[in-house]
Amino acid sequence: MQNIVARLPFDAIPNPTPTVPEQAKGLLTILNWASGIGLVLGVLGVIIVGIGMVIQLSRGNGGEHLGKLGWVLGGCIIITGASGIVRAFA
């Protein structure tokens, strides 16, 4: 097995890691901050919806907040996916 690995031409394998140009580093910093802030607000939104569900459950209307929870979680998924897409093209 070691002989096979020793014969592979490692200099012919390209480096898949992209290099970020100097002009784009500021933009990537802003995008990283925006995605981080968006995710923090998403977690805060889940907590707020959860508190609302507990309050409404004691009143007998707990099912109304499931739609709101779906919207908040959908927003978190979009934010997470957007940062992955940006990092893939950067």
C-alpha atoms as a PDB file:
ATOM      1  CA  MET A   1       0.000   0.000   0.000  1.00  0.00           C
ATOM      2  CA  GLN A   2       2.826   2.400   0.781  1.00  0.00           C
ATOM      3  CA  ASN A   3       4.354   1.854  -2.665  1.00  0.00           C
ATOM      4  CA  ILE A   4       1.104   2.913  -4.351  1.00  0.00           C
ATOM      5  CA  VAL A   5       0.892   6.112  -2.321  1.00  0.00           C
ATOM      6  CA  ALA A   6       4.536   6.900  -2.981  1.00  0.00           C
ATOM      7  CA  ARG A   7       3.972   6.691  -6.761  1.00  0.00           C
ATOM      8  CA  LEU A   8       1.033   9.137  -6.871  1.00  0.00           C
ATOM      9  CA  PRO A   9       1.871  12.460  -8.541  1.00  0.00           C
ATOM     10  CA  PHE A  10       0.897  14.842  -5.719  1.00  0.00           C
ATOM     11  CA  ASP A  11       2.115  17.879  -7.629  1.00  0.00           C
ATOM     12  CA  ALA A  12      -0.599  17.263 -10.261  1.00  0.00           C
ATOM     13  CA  ILE A  13      -3.433  17.463  -7.701  1.00  0.00           C
ATOM     14  CA  PRO A  14      -4.940  20.978  -7.692  1.00  0.00           C
ATOM     15  CA  ASN A  15      -5.551  22.865  -4.461  1.00  0.00           C
ATOM     16  CA  PRO A  16      -9.359  23.209  -4.082  1.00  0.00           C
ATOM     17  CA  THR A  17      -9.095  25.890  -1.389  1.00  0.00           C
ATOM     18  CA  PRO A  18     -10.096  29.240  -2.895  1.00  0.00           C
ATOM     19  CA  THR A  19      -8.005  32.291  -2.210  1.00  0.00           C
ATOM     20  CA  VAL A  20      -9.853  35.430  -1.182  1.00  0.00           C
ATOM     21  CA  PRO A  21      -8.717  38.621  -2.910  1.00  0.00           C
ATOM     22  CA  GLU A  22      -7.798  41.535  -0.670  1.00  0.00           C
ATOM     23  CA  GLN A  23     -10.693  43.633  -2.005  1.00  0.00           C
ATOM     24  CA  ALA A  24     -13.297  41.074  -0.861  1.00  0.00           C
ATOM     25  CA  LYS A  25     -12.153  40.624   2.740  1.00  0.00           C
ATOM     26  CA  GLY A  26     -14.160  43.596   4.015  1.00  0.00           C
ATOM     27  CA  LEU A  27     -17.295  42.346   2.297  1.00  0.00           C
ATOM     28  CA  LEU A  28     -16.823  38.857   3.723  1.00  0.00           C
ATOM     29  CA  THR A  29     -16.410  40.342   7.198  1.00  0.00           C
ATOM     30  CA  ILE A  30     -19.706  42.211   6.828  1.00  0.00           C
ATOM     31  CA  LEU A  31     -21.457  39.093   5.548  1.00  0.00           C
ATOM     32  CA  ASN A  32     -20.098  36.991   8.407  1.00  0.00           C
ATOM     33  CA  TRP A  33     -21.314  39.573  10.934  1.00  0.00           C
ATOM     34  CA  ALA A  34     -24.723  39.776   9.240  1.00  0.00           C
ATOM     35  CA  SER A  35     -25.179  36.003   9.249  1.00  0.00           C
ATOM     36  CA  GLY A  36     -24.085  35.773  12.891  1.00  0.00           C
ATOM     37  CA  ILE A  37     -26.450  38.542  13.961  1.00  0.00           C
ATOM     38  CA  GLY A  38     -29.255  36.961  11.944  1.00  0.00           C
ATOM     39  CA  LEU A  39     -28.750  33.603  13.652  1.00  0.00           C
ATOM     40  CA  VAL A  40     -28.674  35.213  17.100  1.00  0.00           C
ATOM     41  CA  LEU A  41     -31.927  37.007  16.304  1.00  0.00           C
ATOM     42  CA  GLY A  42     -33.368  33.717  15.018  1.00  0.00           C
ATOM     43  CA  VAL A  43     -32.584  31.982  18.304  1.00  0.00           C
ATOM     44  CA  LEU A  44     -34.112  34.924  20.152  1.00  0.00           C
ATOM     45  CA  GLY A  45     -37.192  34.596  17.951  1.00  0.00           C
ATOM     46  CA  VAL A  46     -37.522  30.896  18.811  1.00  0.00           C
ATOM     47  CA  ILE A  47     -37.306  31.772  22.511  1.00  0.00           C
ATOM     48  CA  ILE A  48     -39.951  34.500  22.165  1.00  0.00           C
ATOM     49  CA  VAL A  49     -42.302  32.184  20.258  1.00  0.00           C
ATOM     50  CA  GLY A  50     -41.737  29.508  22.908  1.00  0.00           C
ATOM     51  CA  ILE A  51     -42.659  31.949  25.669  1.00  0.00           C
ATOM     52  CA  GLY A  52     -45.767  32.939  23.731  1.00  0.00           C
ATOM     53  CA  MET A  53     -46.702  29.274  23.329  1.00  0.00           C
ATOM     54  CA  VAL A  54     -46.410  28.692  27.087  1.00  0.00           C
ATOM     55  CA  ILE A  55     -48.558  31.732  27.857  1.00  0.00           C
ATOM     56  CA  GLN A  56     -51.187  30.803  25.284  1.00  0.00           C
ATOM     57  CA  LEU A  57     -51.175  27.153  26.371  1.00  0.00           C
ATOM     58  CA  SER A  58     -52.258  28.187  29.848  1.00  0.00           C
ATOM     59  CA  ARG A  59     -55.148  30.060  28.197  1.00  0.00           C
ATOM     60  CA  GLY A  60     -56.032  27.125  25.927  1.00  0.00           C
ATOM     61  CA  ASN A  61     -54.764  28.562  22.588  1.00  0.00           C
ATOM     62  CA  GLY A  62     -51.275  26.986  22.319  1.00  0.00           C
ATOM     63  CA  GLY A  63     -51.598  25.809  18.712  1.00  0.00           C
ATOM     64  CA  GLU A  64     -51.669  29.283  17.160  1.00  0.00           C
ATOM     65  CA  HIS A  65     -47.931  29.779  17.629  1.00  0.00           C
ATOM     66  CA  LEU A  66     -46.862  26.740  15.623  1.00  0.00           C
ATOM     67  CA  GLY A  67     -47.137  28.761  12.425  1.00  0.00           C
ATOM     68  CA  LYS A  68     -44.966  31.507  13.903  1.00  0.00           C
ATOM     69  CA  LEU A  69     -42.419  28.932  15.010  1.00  0.00           C
ATOM     70  CA  GLY A  70     -42.333  27.556  11.454  1.00  0.00           C
ATOM     71  CA  TRP A  71     -41.643  31.024  10.038  1.00  0.00           C
ATOM     72  CA  VAL A  72     -38.842  31.670  12.532  1.00  0.00           C
ATOM     73  CA  LEU A  73     -37.208  28.303  11.866  1.00  0.00           C
ATOM     74  CA  GLY A  74     -37.586  28.833   8.117  1.00  0.00           C
ATOM     75  CA  GLY A  75     -35.802  32.168   8.464  1.00  0.00           C
ATOM     76  CA  CYS A  76     -32.975  30.485  10.380  1.00  0.00           C
ATOM     77  CA  ILE A  77     -32.620  27.894   7.633  1.00  0.00           C
ATOM     78  CA  ILE A  78     -32.473  30.597   4.954  1.00  0.00           C
ATOM     79  CA  ILE A  79     -29.853  32.565   6.897  1.00  0.00           C
ATOM     80  CA  THR A  80     -27.729  29.464   7.408  1.00  0.00           C
ATOM     81  CA  GLY A  81     -28.030  28.445   3.765  1.00  0.00           C
ATOM     82  CA  ALA A  82     -27.200  31.929   2.522  1.00  0.00           C
ATOM     83  CA  SER A  83     -23.936  32.047   4.434  1.00  0.00           C
ATOM     84  CA  GLY A  84     -22.976  28.668   2.959  1.00  0.00           C
ATOM     85  CA  ILE A  85     -23.730  29.840  -0.554  1.00  0.00           C
ATOM     86  CA  VAL A  86     -21.704  33.021  -0.075  1.00  0.00           C
ATOM     87  CA  ARG A  87     -18.771  31.062   1.309  1.00  0.00           C
ATOM     88  CA  ALA A  88     -18.925  28.652  -1.635  1.00  0.00           C
ATOM     89  CA  PHE A  89     -18.596  31.491  -4.159  1.00  0.00           C
ATOM     90  CA  ALA A  90     -16.028  33.467  -2.172  1.00  0.00           C
END
